Amino acid sequence: MLNFMVNRTAPSGPDLDRIFSALADPTRRALLQRLDAEDGISVSELARPLSMSLPAVMKHLDVLEGAGLIARQKTGRTVACRLTAAPMEDAMGWLARYQRFWTESLDRLAAALEKSP
């Protein structure tokens, strides 16, 4: 069963590693949630409710941008951030493969348990 999972792990690689690593941090997830609600807001607006310095927020945004989850655009002195959907869709596709695997496995287990006395 383990070999089945190991041999069927596509898509994968550094891109997915960066996406899941970026999503592992609660501050970065909060930033993504904020951008989902208010796409295109400035870095200073994103940083305002957080209890950390602007340079710390910028480091989190660097990680999110490196994973492809956000894009930044500078207009004059203001830098605005926007969500980027494609990397999240890749991660969801990867997770969906395992959801199907575990659903099928658990269904087989349930069927086997129902047959046993």
PDB file of N, CA and C in Angstrom:
ATOM      1  N   MET A   1       0.831  -1.178   0.000  1.00  0.00           N
ATOM      2  CA  MET A   1       0.000   0.000   0.000  1.00  0.00           C
ATOM      3  C   MET A   1       0.879   1.247   0.000  1.00  0.00           C
ATOM      4  N   LEU A   2       1.957   1.235   0.768  1.00  0.00           N
ATOM      5  CA  LEU A   2       2.845   2.389   0.813  1.00  0.00           C
ATOM      6  C   LEU A   2       3.470   2.635  -0.553  1.00  0.00           C
ATOM      7  N   ASN A   3       3.865   1.555  -1.248  1.00  0.00           N
ATOM      8  CA  ASN A   3       4.442   1.722  -2.579  1.00  0.00           C
ATOM      9  C   ASN A   3       3.460   2.397  -3.520  1.00  0.00           C
ATOM     10  N   PHE A   4       2.182   2.099  -3.399  1.00  0.00           N
ATOM     11  CA  PHE A   4       1.163   2.734  -4.223  1.00  0.00           C
ATOM     12  C   PHE A   4       1.223   4.245  -4.041  1.00  0.00           C
ATOM     13  N   MET A   5       1.330   4.689  -2.800  1.00  0.00           N
ATOM     14  CA  MET A   5       1.356   6.121  -2.527  1.00  0.00           C
ATOM     15  C   MET A   5       2.652   6.750  -3.022  1.00  0.00           C
ATOM     16  N   VAL A   6       3.776   6.086  -2.834  1.00  0.00           N
ATOM     17  CA  VAL A   6       5.064   6.636  -3.226  1.00  0.00           C
ATOM     18  C   VAL A   6       5.164   6.761  -4.741  1.00  0.00           C
ATOM     19  N   ASN A   7       4.657   5.773  -5.452  1.00  0.00           N
ATOM     20  CA  ASN A   7       4.778   5.776  -6.901  1.00  0.00           C
ATOM     21  C   ASN A   7       3.773   6.670  -7.593  1.00  0.00           C
ATOM     22  N   ARG A   8       2.806   7.190  -6.899  1.00  0.00           N
ATOM     23  CA  ARG A   8       1.769   7.988  -7.537  1.00  0.00           C
ATOM     24  C   ARG A   8       1.693   9.392  -6.952  1.00  0.00           C
ATOM     25  N   THR A   9       2.834  10.028  -6.773  1.00  0.00           N
ATOM     26  CA  THR A   9       2.871  11.335  -6.134  1.00  0.00           C
ATOM     27  C   THR A   9       3.128  12.444  -7.150  1.00  0.00           C
ATOM     28  N   ALA A  10       2.259  12.623  -8.096  1.00  0.00           N
ATOM     29  CA  ALA A  10       2.412  13.709  -9.061  1.00  0.00           C
ATOM     30  C   ALA A  10       1.217  14.635  -8.927  1.00  0.00           C
ATOM     31  N   PRO A  11       1.303  15.886  -9.089  1.00  0.00           N
ATOM     32  CA  PRO A  11       2.535  16.649  -9.236  1.00  0.00           C
ATOM     33  C   PRO A  11       3.253  16.810  -7.901  1.00  0.00           C
ATOM     34  N   SER A  12       4.540  16.985  -7.974  1.00  0.00           N
ATOM     35  CA  SER A  12       5.302  17.184  -6.746  1.00  0.00           C
ATOM     36  C   SER A  12       6.499  18.056  -7.065  1.00  0.00           C
ATOM     37  N   GLY A  13       7.502  17.978  -6.226  1.00  0.00           N
ATOM     38  CA  GLY A  13       8.717  18.716  -6.495  1.00  0.00           C
ATOM     39  C   GLY A  13       8.831  19.980  -5.682  1.00  0.00           C
ATOM     40  N   PRO A  14       9.821  20.781  -6.055  1.00  0.00           N
ATOM     41  CA  PRO A  14      10.119  21.987  -5.282  1.00  0.00           C
ATOM     42  C   PRO A  14       8.961  22.981  -5.224  1.00  0.00           C
ATOM     43  N   ASP A  15       8.176  23.067  -6.283  1.00  0.00           N
ATOM     44  CA  ASP A  15       7.067  24.018  -6.269  1.00  0.00           C
ATOM     45  C   ASP A  15       6.055  23.666  -5.182  1.00  0.00           C
ATOM     46  N   LEU A  16       5.650  22.403  -5.116  1.00  0.00           N
ATOM     47  CA  LEU A  16       4.710  21.987  -4.078  1.00  0.00           C
ATOM     48  C   LEU A  16       5.327  22.108  -2.692  1.00  0.00           C
ATOM     49  N   ASP A  17       6.609  21.814  -2.588  1.00  0.00           N
ATOM     50  CA  ASP A  17       7.286  21.967  -1.297  1.00  0.00           C
ATOM     51  C   ASP A  17       7.206  23.414  -0.820  1.00  0.00           C
ATOM     52  N   ARG A  18       7.450  24.363  -1.727  1.00  0.00           N
ATOM     53  CA  ARG A  18       7.380  25.786  -1.352  1.00  0.00           C
ATOM     54  C   ARG A  18       5.956  26.190  -0.980  1.00  0.00           C
ATOM     55  N   ILE A  19       4.979  25.669  -1.718  1.00  0.00           N
ATOM     56  CA  ILE A  19       3.580  26.016  -1.429  1.00  0.00           C
ATOM     57  C   ILE A  19       3.192  25.532  -0.041  1.00  0.00           C
ATOM     58  N   PHE A  20       3.433  24.242   0.238  1.00  0.00           N
ATOM     59  CA  PHE A  20       3.038  23.699   1.538  1.00  0.00           C
ATOM     60  C   PHE A  20       3.859  24.305   2.674  1.00  0.00           C
ATOM     61  N   SER A  21       5.113  24.609   2.424  1.00  0.00           N
ATOM     62  CA  SER A  21       5.931  25.264   3.442  1.00  0.00           C
ATOM     63  C   SER A  21       5.376  26.653   3.754  1.00  0.00           C
ATOM     64  N   ALA A  22       4.984  27.377   2.723  1.00  0.00           N
ATOM     65  CA  ALA A  22       4.406  28.709   2.934  1.00  0.00           C
ATOM     66  C   ALA A  22       3.093  28.613   3.695  1.00  0.00           C
ATOM     67  N   LEU A  23       2.283  27.616   3.382  1.00  0.00           N
ATOM     68  CA  LEU A  23       0.979  27.460   4.034  1.00  0.00           C
ATOM     69  C   LEU A  23       1.087  26.934   5.461  1.00  0.00           C
ATOM     70  N   ALA A  24       2.247  26.411   5.831  1.00  0.00           N
ATOM     71  CA  ALA A  24       2.420  25.828   7.167  1.00  0.00           C
ATOM     72  C   ALA A  24       2.433  26.879   8.274  1.00  0.00           C
ATOM     73  N   ASP A  25       2.684  28.125   7.932  1.00  0.00           N
ATOM     74  CA  ASP A  25       2.793  29.173   8.941  1.00  0.00           C
ATOM     75  C   ASP A  25       1.454  29.892   9.132  1.00  0.00           C
ATOM     76  N   PRO A  26       0.978  30.009  10.374  1.00  0.00           N
ATOM     77  CA  PRO A  26      -0.322  30.653  10.606  1.00  0.00           C
ATOM     78  C   PRO A  26      -0.362  32.131  10.209  1.00  0.00           C
ATOM     79  N   THR A  27       0.751  32.829  10.332  1.00  0.00           N
ATOM     80  CA  THR A  27       0.769  34.240   9.919  1.00  0.00           C
ATOM     81  C   THR A  27       0.579  34.349   8.410  1.00  0.00           C
ATOM     82  N   ARG A  28       1.250  33.489   7.670  1.00  0.00           N
ATOM     83  CA  ARG A  28       1.107  33.537   6.209  1.00  0.00           C
ATOM     84  C   ARG A  28      -0.301  33.135   5.783  1.00  0.00           C
ATOM     85  N   ARG A  29      -0.899  32.158   6.481  1.00  0.00           N
ATOM     86  CA  ARG A  29      -2.293  31.805   6.164  1.00  0.00           C
ATOM     87  C   ARG A  29      -3.220  32.983   6.454  1.00  0.00           C
ATOM     88  N   ALA A  30      -2.961  33.711   7.530  1.00  0.00           N
ATOM     89  CA  ALA A  30      -3.773  34.888   7.853  1.00  0.00           C
ATOM     90  C   ALA A  30      -3.618  35.966   6.775  1.00  0.00           C
ATOM     91  N   LEU A  31      -2.401  36.140   6.281  1.00  0.00           N
ATOM     92  CA  LEU A  31      -2.193  37.111   5.203  1.00  0.00           C
ATOM     93  C   LEU A  31      -2.972  36.710   3.947  1.00  0.00           C
ATOM     94  N   LEU A  32      -2.964  35.419   3.630  1.00  0.00           N
ATOM     95  CA  LEU A  32      -3.720  34.944   2.464  1.00  0.00           C
ATOM     96  C   LEU A  32      -5.217  35.138   2.659  1.00  0.00           C
ATOM     97  N   GLN A  33      -5.707  34.879   3.873  1.00  0.00           N
ATOM     98  CA  GLN A  33      -7.131  35.099   4.150  1.00  0.00           C
ATOM     99  C   GLN A  33      -7.488  36.569   3.993  1.00  0.00           C
ATOM    100  N   ARG A  34      -6.619  37.419   4.455  1.00  0.00           N
ATOM    101  CA  ARG A  34      -6.867  38.860   4.326  1.00  0.00           C
ATOM    102  C   ARG A  34      -6.893  39.274   2.868  1.00  0.00           C
ATOM    103  N   LEU A  35      -5.964  38.731   2.059  1.00  0.00           N
ATOM    104  CA  LEU A  35      -5.949  39.053   0.637  1.00  0.00           C
ATOM    105  C   LEU A  35      -7.164  38.477  -0.080  1.00  0.00           C
ATOM    106  N   ASP A  36      -7.657  37.368   0.409  1.00  0.00           N
ATOM    107  CA  ASP A  36      -8.871  36.797  -0.183  1.00  0.00           C
ATOM    108  C   ASP A  36     -10.054  37.735   0.036  1.00  0.00           C
ATOM    109  N   ALA A  37     -10.088  38.373   1.194  1.00  0.00           N
ATOM    110  CA  ALA A  37     -11.180  39.293   1.511  1.00  0.00           C
ATOM    111  C   ALA A  37     -10.978  40.662   0.863  1.00  0.00           C
ATOM    112  N   GLU A  38      -9.725  41.099   0.758  1.00  0.00           N
ATOM    113  CA  GLU A  38      -9.415  42.440   0.248  1.00  0.00           C
ATOM    114  C   GLU A  38      -8.250  42.373  -0.723  1.00  0.00           C
ATOM    115  N   ASP A  39      -8.455  41.764  -1.869  1.00  0.00           N
ATOM    116  CA  ASP A  39      -7.380  41.592  -2.845  1.00  0.00           C
ATOM    117  C   ASP A  39      -6.873  42.944  -3.330  1.00  0.00           C
ATOM    118  N   GLY A  40      -5.575  43.060  -3.454  1.00  0.00           N
ATOM    119  CA  GLY A  40      -4.982  44.280  -3.983  1.00  0.00           C
ATOM    120  C   GLY A  40      -4.699  45.343  -2.941  1.00  0.00           C
ATOM    121  N   ILE A  41      -4.668  44.968  -1.669  1.00  0.00           N
ATOM    122  CA  ILE A  41      -4.388  45.973  -0.639  1.00  0.00           C
ATOM    123  C   ILE A  41      -2.880  46.135  -0.464  1.00  0.00           C
ATOM    124  N   SER A  42      -2.505  47.247   0.117  1.00  0.00           N
ATOM    125  CA  SER A  42      -1.086  47.565   0.269  1.00  0.00           C
ATOM    126  C   SER A  42      -0.443  46.722   1.370  1.00  0.00           C
ATOM    127  N   VAL A  43       0.871  46.651   1.301  1.00  0.00           N
ATOM    128  CA  VAL A  43       1.636  45.920   2.311  1.00  0.00           C
ATOM    129  C   VAL A  43       1.410  46.532   3.688  1.00  0.00           C
ATOM    130  N   SER A  44       1.384  47.844   3.766  1.00  0.00           N
ATOM    131  CA  SER A  44       1.180  48.486   5.076  1.00  0.00           C
ATOM    132  C   SER A  44      -0.205  48.176   5.637  1.00  0.00           C
ATOM    133  N   GLU A  45      -1.216  48.081   4.773  1.00  0.00           N
ATOM    134  CA  GLU A  45      -2.559  47.697   5.233  1.00  0.00           C
ATOM    135  C   GLU A  45      -2.575  46.243   5.703  1.00  0.00           C
ATOM    136  N   LEU A  46      -1.861  45.383   4.989  1.00  0.00           N
ATOM    137  CA  LEU A  46      -1.768  43.981   5.418  1.00  0.00           C
ATOM    138  C   LEU A  46      -1.093  43.875   6.784  1.00  0.00           C
ATOM    139  N   ALA A  47      -0.085  44.697   7.002  1.00  0.00           N
ATOM    140  CA  ALA A  47       0.703  44.614   8.237  1.00  0.00           C
ATOM    141  C   ALA A  47      -0.005  45.239   9.432  1.00  0.00           C
ATOM    142  N   ARG A  48      -0.892  46.172   9.186  1.00  0.00           N
ATOM    143  CA  ARG A  48      -1.505  46.951  10.272  1.00  0.00           C
ATOM    144  C   ARG A  48      -2.073  46.095  11.413  1.00  0.00           C
ATOM    145  N   PRO A  49      -2.905  45.081  11.174  1.00  0.00           N
ATOM    146  CA  PRO A  49      -3.490  44.350  12.306  1.00  0.00           C
ATOM    147  C   PRO A  49      -2.546  43.333  12.961  1.00  0.00           C
ATOM    148  N   LEU A  50      -1.393  43.101  12.372  1.00  0.00           N
ATOM    149  CA  LEU A  50      -0.481  42.084  12.908  1.00  0.00           C
ATOM    150  C   LEU A  50       0.406  42.673  13.996  1.00  0.00           C
ATOM    151  N   SER A  51       0.724  41.856  14.969  1.00  0.00           N
ATOM    152  CA  SER A  51       1.577  42.307  16.079  1.00  0.00           C
ATOM    153  C   SER A  51       3.035  41.961  15.784  1.00  0.00           C
ATOM    154  N   MET A  52       3.538  42.491  14.663  1.00  0.00           N
ATOM    155  CA  MET A  52       4.939  42.301  14.285  1.00  0.00           C
ATOM    156  C   MET A  52       5.379  43.488  13.446  1.00  0.00           C
ATOM    157  N   SER A  53       6.665  43.598  13.268  1.00  0.00           N
ATOM    158  CA  SER A  53       7.205  44.734  12.528  1.00  0.00           C
ATOM    159  C   SER A  53       6.927  44.595  11.030  1.00  0.00           C
ATOM    160  N   LEU A  54       6.998  45.706  10.324  1.00  0.00           N
ATOM    161  CA  LEU A  54       6.817  45.687   8.872  1.00  0.00           C
ATOM    162  C   LEU A  54       7.873  44.818   8.190  1.00  0.00           C
ATOM    163  N   PRO A  55       9.154  44.879   8.602  1.00  0.00           N
ATOM    164  CA  PRO A  55      10.133  43.970   7.982  1.00  0.00           C
ATOM    165  C   PRO A  55       9.794  42.490   8.186  1.00  0.00           C
ATOM    166  N   ALA A  56       9.220  42.136   9.331  1.00  0.00           N
ATOM    167  CA  ALA A  56       8.819  40.743   9.560  1.00  0.00           C
ATOM    168  C   ALA A  56       7.687  40.351   8.616  1.00  0.00           C
ATOM    169  N   VAL A  57       6.733  41.248   8.421  1.00  0.00           N
ATOM    170  CA  VAL A  57       5.636  40.981   7.478  1.00  0.00           C
ATOM    171  C   VAL A  57       6.197  40.837   6.068  1.00  0.00           C
ATOM    172  N   MET A  58       7.154  41.689   5.721  1.00  0.00           N
ATOM    173  CA  MET A  58       7.764  41.619   4.389  1.00  0.00           C
ATOM    174  C   MET A  58       8.441  40.264   4.154  1.00  0.00           C
ATOM    175  N   LYS A  59       9.051  39.710   5.196  1.00  0.00           N
ATOM    176  CA  LYS A  59       9.677  38.390   5.058  1.00  0.00           C
ATOM    177  C   LYS A  59       8.619  37.320   4.788  1.00  0.00           C
ATOM    178  N   HIS A  60       7.491  37.417   5.471  1.00  0.00           N
ATOM    179  CA  HIS A  60       6.398  36.478   5.217  1.00  0.00           C
ATOM    180  C   HIS A  60       5.882  36.631   3.788  1.00  0.00           C
ATOM    181  N   LEU A  61       5.764  37.866   3.331  1.00  0.00           N
ATOM    182  CA  LEU A  61       5.305  38.105   1.959  1.00  0.00           C
ATOM    183  C   LEU A  61       6.318  37.584   0.945  1.00  0.00           C
ATOM    184  N   ASP A  62       7.610  37.667   1.272  1.00  0.00           N
ATOM    185  CA  ASP A  62       8.635  37.108   0.389  1.00  0.00           C
ATOM    186  C   ASP A  62       8.441  35.602   0.217  1.00  0.00           C
ATOM    187  N   VAL A  63       8.135  34.918   1.323  1.00  0.00           N
ATOM    188  CA  VAL A  63       7.910  33.469   1.255  1.00  0.00           C
ATOM    189  C   VAL A  63       6.678  33.164   0.406  1.00  0.00           C
ATOM    190  N   LEU A  64       5.606  33.908   0.627  1.00  0.00           N
ATOM    191  CA  LEU A  64       4.377  33.693  -0.153  1.00  0.00           C
ATOM    192  C   LEU A  64       4.608  33.975  -1.627  1.00  0.00           C
ATOM    193  N   GLU A  65       5.362  35.020  -1.929  1.00  0.00           N
ATOM    194  CA  GLU A  65       5.661  35.339  -3.323  1.00  0.00           C
ATOM    195  C   GLU A  65       6.573  34.276  -3.938  1.00  0.00           C
ATOM    196  N   GLY A  66       7.538  33.799  -3.161  1.00  0.00           N
ATOM    197  CA  GLY A  66       8.432  32.742  -3.640  1.00  0.00           C
ATOM    198  C   GLY A  66       7.696  31.456  -3.966  1.00  0.00           C
ATOM    199  N   ALA A  67       6.611  31.206  -3.250  1.00  0.00           N
ATOM    200  CA  ALA A  67       5.782  30.023  -3.511  1.00  0.00           C
ATOM    201  C   ALA A  67       4.794  30.281  -4.641  1.00  0.00           C
ATOM    202  N   GLY A  68       4.738  31.522  -5.111  1.00  0.00           N
ATOM    203  CA  GLY A  68       3.821  31.856  -6.187  1.00  0.00           C
ATOM    204  C   GLY A  68       2.396  32.115  -5.736  1.00  0.00           C
ATOM    205  N   LEU A  69       2.176  32.206  -4.431  1.00  0.00           N
ATOM    206  CA  LEU A  69       0.821  32.372  -3.905  1.00  0.00           C
ATOM    207  C   LEU A  69       0.326  33.810  -3.963  1.00  0.00           C
ATOM    208  N   ILE A  70       1.255  34.755  -4.051  1.00  0.00           N
ATOM    209  CA  ILE A  70       0.865  36.160  -4.195  1.00  0.00           C
ATOM    210  C   ILE A  70       1.739  36.808  -5.261  1.00  0.00           C
ATOM    211  N   ALA A  71       1.270  37.938  -5.744  1.00  0.00           N
ATOM    212  CA  ALA A  71       2.056  38.788  -6.638  1.00  0.00           C
ATOM    213  C   ALA A  71       2.025  40.185  -6.062  1.00  0.00           C
ATOM    214  N   ARG A  72       3.146  40.890  -6.171  1.00  0.00           N
ATOM    215  CA  ARG A  72       3.217  42.261  -5.687  1.00  0.00           C
ATOM    216  C   ARG A  72       3.383  43.208  -6.868  1.00  0.00           C
ATOM    217  N   GLN A  73       2.751  44.368  -6.748  1.00  0.00           N
ATOM    218  CA  GLN A  73       2.855  45.378  -7.800  1.00  0.00           C
ATOM    219  C   GLN A  73       3.112  46.724  -7.149  1.00  0.00           C
ATOM    220  N   LYS A  74       4.153  47.389  -7.626  1.00  0.00           N
ATOM    221  CA  LYS A  74       4.514  48.682  -7.065  1.00  0.00           C
ATOM    222  C   LYS A  74       3.945  49.795  -7.944  1.00  0.00           C
ATOM    223  N   THR A  75       3.230  50.697  -7.301  1.00  0.00           N
ATOM    224  CA  THR A  75       2.703  51.887  -7.960  1.00  0.00           C
ATOM    225  C   THR A  75       3.166  53.083  -7.145  1.00  0.00           C
ATOM    226  N   GLY A  76       4.134  53.817  -7.674  1.00  0.00           N
ATOM    227  CA  GLY A  76       4.713  54.908  -6.890  1.00  0.00           C
ATOM    228  C   GLY A  76       5.448  54.353  -5.688  1.00  0.00           C
ATOM    229  N   ARG A  77       5.041  54.778  -4.511  1.00  0.00           N
ATOM    230  CA  ARG A  77       5.659  54.276  -3.277  1.00  0.00           C
ATOM    231  C   ARG A  77       4.848  53.182  -2.616  1.00  0.00           C
ATOM    232  N   THR A  78       3.714  52.830  -3.209  1.00  0.00           N
ATOM    233  CA  THR A  78       2.824  51.825  -2.613  1.00  0.00           C
ATOM    234  C   THR A  78       3.007  50.483  -3.307  1.00  0.00           C
ATOM    235  N   VAL A  79       3.137  49.438  -2.495  1.00  0.00           N
ATOM    236  CA  VAL A  79       3.221  48.075  -3.014  1.00  0.00           C
ATOM    237  C   VAL A  79       1.929  47.359  -2.638  1.00  0.00           C
ATOM    238  N   ALA A  80       1.206  46.894  -3.660  1.00  0.00           N
ATOM    239  CA  ALA A  80      -0.053  46.170  -3.432  1.00  0.00           C
ATOM    240  C   ALA A  80       0.182  44.681  -3.667  1.00  0.00           C
ATOM    241  N   CYS A  81      -0.558  43.868  -2.946  1.00  0.00           N
ATOM    242  CA  CYS A  81      -0.454  42.411  -3.061  1.00  0.00           C
ATOM    243  C   CYS A  81      -1.760  41.831  -3.586  1.00  0.00           C
ATOM    244  N   ARG A  82      -1.629  40.791  -4.394  1.00  0.00           N
ATOM    245  CA  ARG A  82      -2.789  40.084  -4.932  1.00  0.00           C
ATOM    246  C   ARG A  82      -2.563  38.580  -4.811  1.00  0.00           C
ATOM    247  N   LEU A  83      -3.649  37.852  -4.617  1.00  0.00           N
ATOM    248  CA  LEU A  83      -3.573  36.395  -4.611  1.00  0.00           C
ATOM    249  C   LEU A  83      -3.297  35.884  -6.014  1.00  0.00           C
ATOM    250  N   THR A  84      -2.599  34.761  -6.088  1.00  0.00           N
ATOM    251  CA  THR A  84      -2.355  34.066  -7.349  1.00  0.00           C
ATOM    252  C   THR A  84      -2.923  32.664  -7.193  1.00  0.00           C
ATOM    253  N   ALA A  85      -3.875  32.298  -8.024  1.00  0.00           N
ATOM    254  CA  ALA A  85      -4.641  31.066  -7.820  1.00  0.00           C
ATOM    255  C   ALA A  85      -3.926  29.790  -8.265  1.00  0.00           C
ATOM    256  N   ALA A  86      -3.144  29.830  -9.304  1.00  0.00           N
ATOM    257  CA  ALA A  86      -2.595  28.609  -9.903  1.00  0.00           C
ATOM    258  C   ALA A  86      -1.836  27.708  -8.921  1.00  0.00           C
ATOM    259  N   PRO A  87      -0.924  28.233  -8.097  1.00  0.00           N
ATOM    260  CA  PRO A  87      -0.213  27.341  -7.175  1.00  0.00           C
ATOM    261  C   PRO A  87      -1.147  26.643  -6.183  1.00  0.00           C
ATOM    262  N   MET A  88      -2.169  27.351  -5.726  1.00  0.00           N
ATOM    263  CA  MET A  88      -3.112  26.739  -4.789  1.00  0.00           C
ATOM    264  C   MET A  88      -3.886  25.624  -5.496  1.00  0.00           C
ATOM    265  N   GLU A  89      -4.204  25.829  -6.761  1.00  0.00           N
ATOM    266  CA  GLU A  89      -4.895  24.785  -7.523  1.00  0.00           C
ATOM    267  C   GLU A  89      -4.013  23.555  -7.676  1.00  0.00           C
ATOM    268  N   ASP A  90      -2.702  23.755  -7.884  1.00  0.00           N
ATOM    269  CA  ASP A  90      -1.768  22.622  -7.952  1.00  0.00           C
ATOM    270  C   ASP A  90      -1.766  21.844  -6.646  1.00  0.00           C
ATOM    271  N   ALA A  91      -1.718  22.567  -5.527  1.00  0.00           N
ATOM    272  CA  ALA A  91      -1.723  21.916  -4.214  1.00  0.00           C
ATOM    273  C   ALA A  91      -3.026  21.165  -3.984  1.00  0.00           C
ATOM    274  N   MET A  92      -4.140  21.774  -4.366  1.00  0.00           N
ATOM    275  CA  MET A  92      -5.440  21.114  -4.206  1.00  0.00           C
ATOM    276  C   MET A  92      -5.519  19.851  -5.068  1.00  0.00           C
ATOM    277  N   GLY A  93      -4.979  19.905  -6.264  1.00  0.00           N
ATOM    278  CA  GLY A  93      -4.952  18.715  -7.123  1.00  0.00           C
ATOM    279  C   GLY A  93      -4.139  17.596  -6.503  1.00  0.00           C
ATOM    280  N   TRP A  94      -3.006  17.945  -5.915  1.00  0.00           N
ATOM    281  CA  TRP A  94      -2.165  16.950  -5.258  1.00  0.00           C
ATOM    282  C   TRP A  94      -2.904  16.326  -4.076  1.00  0.00           C
ATOM    283  N   LEU A  95      -3.557  17.166  -3.277  1.00  0.00           N
ATOM    284  CA  LEU A  95      -4.321  16.668  -2.131  1.00  0.00           C
ATOM    285  C   LEU A  95      -5.502  15.800  -2.569  1.00  0.00           C
ATOM    286  N   ALA A  96      -6.147  16.157  -3.670  1.00  0.00           N
ATOM    287  CA  ALA A  96      -7.306  15.404  -4.154  1.00  0.00           C
ATOM    288  C   ALA A  96      -6.924  13.967  -4.510  1.00  0.00           C
ATOM    289  N   ARG A  97      -5.713  13.783  -5.032  1.00  0.00           N
ATOM    290  CA  ARG A  97      -5.254  12.413  -5.343  1.00  0.00           C
ATOM    291  C   ARG A  97      -5.242  11.559  -4.082  1.00  0.00           C
ATOM    292  N   TYR A  98      -4.749  12.136  -2.998  1.00  0.00           N
ATOM    293  CA  TYR A  98      -4.678  11.378  -1.752  1.00  0.00           C
ATOM    294  C   TYR A  98      -6.038  11.242  -1.093  1.00  0.00           C
ATOM    295  N   GLN A  99      -6.884  12.186  -1.270  1.00  0.00           N
ATOM    296  CA  GLN A  99      -8.237  12.064  -0.745  1.00  0.00           C
ATOM    297  C   GLN A  99      -8.935  10.879  -1.408  1.00  0.00           C
ATOM    298  N   ARG A 100      -8.793  10.757  -2.721  1.00  0.00           N
ATOM    299  CA  ARG A 100      -9.388   9.610  -3.430  1.00  0.00           C
ATOM    300  C   ARG A 100      -8.792   8.303  -2.926  1.00  0.00           C
ATOM    301  N   PHE A 101      -7.465   8.270  -2.769  1.00  0.00           N
ATOM    302  CA  PHE A 101      -6.801   7.063  -2.292  1.00  0.00           C
ATOM    303  C   PHE A 101      -7.340   6.656  -0.925  1.00  0.00           C
ATOM    304  N   TRP A 102      -7.380   7.585   0.026  1.00  0.00           N
ATOM    305  CA  TRP A 102      -7.815   7.253   1.379  1.00  0.00           C
ATOM    306  C   TRP A 102      -9.300   6.958   1.439  1.00  0.00           C
ATOM    307  N   THR A 103     -10.096   7.627   0.640  1.00  0.00           N
ATOM    308  CA  THR A 103     -11.530   7.341   0.607  1.00  0.00           C
ATOM    309  C   THR A 103     -11.770   5.924   0.118  1.00  0.00           C
ATOM    310  N   GLU A 104     -11.091   5.551  -0.972  1.00  0.00           N
ATOM    311  CA  GLU A 104     -11.233   4.194  -1.497  1.00  0.00           C
ATOM    312  C   GLU A 104     -10.732   3.156  -0.492  1.00  0.00           C
ATOM    313  N   SER A 105      -9.609   3.443   0.153  1.00  0.00           N
ATOM    314  CA  SER A 105      -9.060   2.504   1.140  1.00  0.00           C
ATOM    315  C   SER A 105      -9.992   2.337   2.328  1.00  0.00           C
ATOM    316  N   LEU A 106     -10.537   3.426   2.811  1.00  0.00           N
ATOM    317  CA  LEU A 106     -11.450   3.345   3.952  1.00  0.00           C
ATOM    318  C   LEU A 106     -12.764   2.669   3.561  1.00  0.00           C
ATOM    319  N   ASP A 107     -13.218   2.883   2.342  1.00  0.00           N
ATOM    320  CA  ASP A 107     -14.422   2.188   1.872  1.00  0.00           C
ATOM    321  C   ASP A 107     -14.190   0.677   1.827  1.00  0.00           C
ATOM    322  N   ARG A 108     -13.009   0.260   1.362  1.00  0.00           N
ATOM    323  CA  ARG A 108     -12.687  -1.181   1.325  1.00  0.00           C
ATOM    324  C   ARG A 108     -12.616  -1.741   2.740  1.00  0.00           C
ATOM    325  N   LEU A 109     -12.030  -0.984   3.652  1.00  0.00           N
ATOM    326  CA  LEU A 109     -11.946  -1.427   5.047  1.00  0.00           C
ATOM    327  C   LEU A 109     -13.336  -1.569   5.646  1.00  0.00           C
ATOM    328  N   ALA A 110     -14.194  -0.597   5.406  1.00  0.00           N
ATOM    329  CA  ALA A 110     -15.555  -0.637   5.936  1.00  0.00           C
ATOM    330  C   ALA A 110     -16.304  -1.852   5.374  1.00  0.00           C
ATOM    331  N   ALA A 111     -16.139  -2.121   4.088  1.00  0.00           N
ATOM    332  CA  ALA A 111     -16.792  -3.277   3.461  1.00  0.00           C
ATOM    333  C   ALA A 111     -16.278  -4.564   4.075  1.00  0.00           C
ATOM    334  N   ALA A 112     -14.983  -4.649   4.325  1.00  0.00           N
ATOM    335  CA  ALA A 112     -14.404  -5.855   4.918  1.00  0.00           C
ATOM    336  C   ALA A 112     -14.908  -6.039   6.351  1.00  0.00           C
ATOM    337  N   LEU A 113     -15.031  -4.971   7.093  1.00  0.00           N
ATOM    338  CA  LEU A 113     -15.511  -5.058   8.471  1.00  0.00           C
ATOM    339  C   LEU A 113     -16.989  -5.456   8.514  1.00  0.00           C
ATOM    340  N   GLU A 114     -17.765  -5.002   7.555  1.00  0.00           N
ATOM    341  CA  GLU A 114     -19.171  -5.368   7.507  1.00  0.00           C
ATOM    342  C   GLU A 114     -19.371  -6.854   7.194  1.00  0.00           C
ATOM    343  N   LYS A 115     -18.452  -7.435   6.442  1.00  0.00           N
ATOM    344  CA  LYS A 115     -18.538  -8.856   6.079  1.00  0.00           C
ATOM    345  C   LYS A 115     -18.096  -9.767   7.219  1.00  0.00           C
ATOM    346  N   SER A 116     -17.221  -9.283   8.069  1.00  0.00           N
ATOM    347  CA  SER A 116     -16.706 -10.147   9.134  1.00  0.00           C
ATOM    348  C   SER A 116     -17.733 -10.287  10.253  1.00  0.00           C
ATOM    349  N   PRO A 117     -17.775 -11.477  10.887  1.00  0.00           N
ATOM    350  CA  PRO A 117     -18.755 -11.727  11.942  1.00  0.00           C
ATOM    351  C   PRO A 117     -18.468 -11.002  13.226  1.00  0.00           C
TER     352      PRO A 117
END
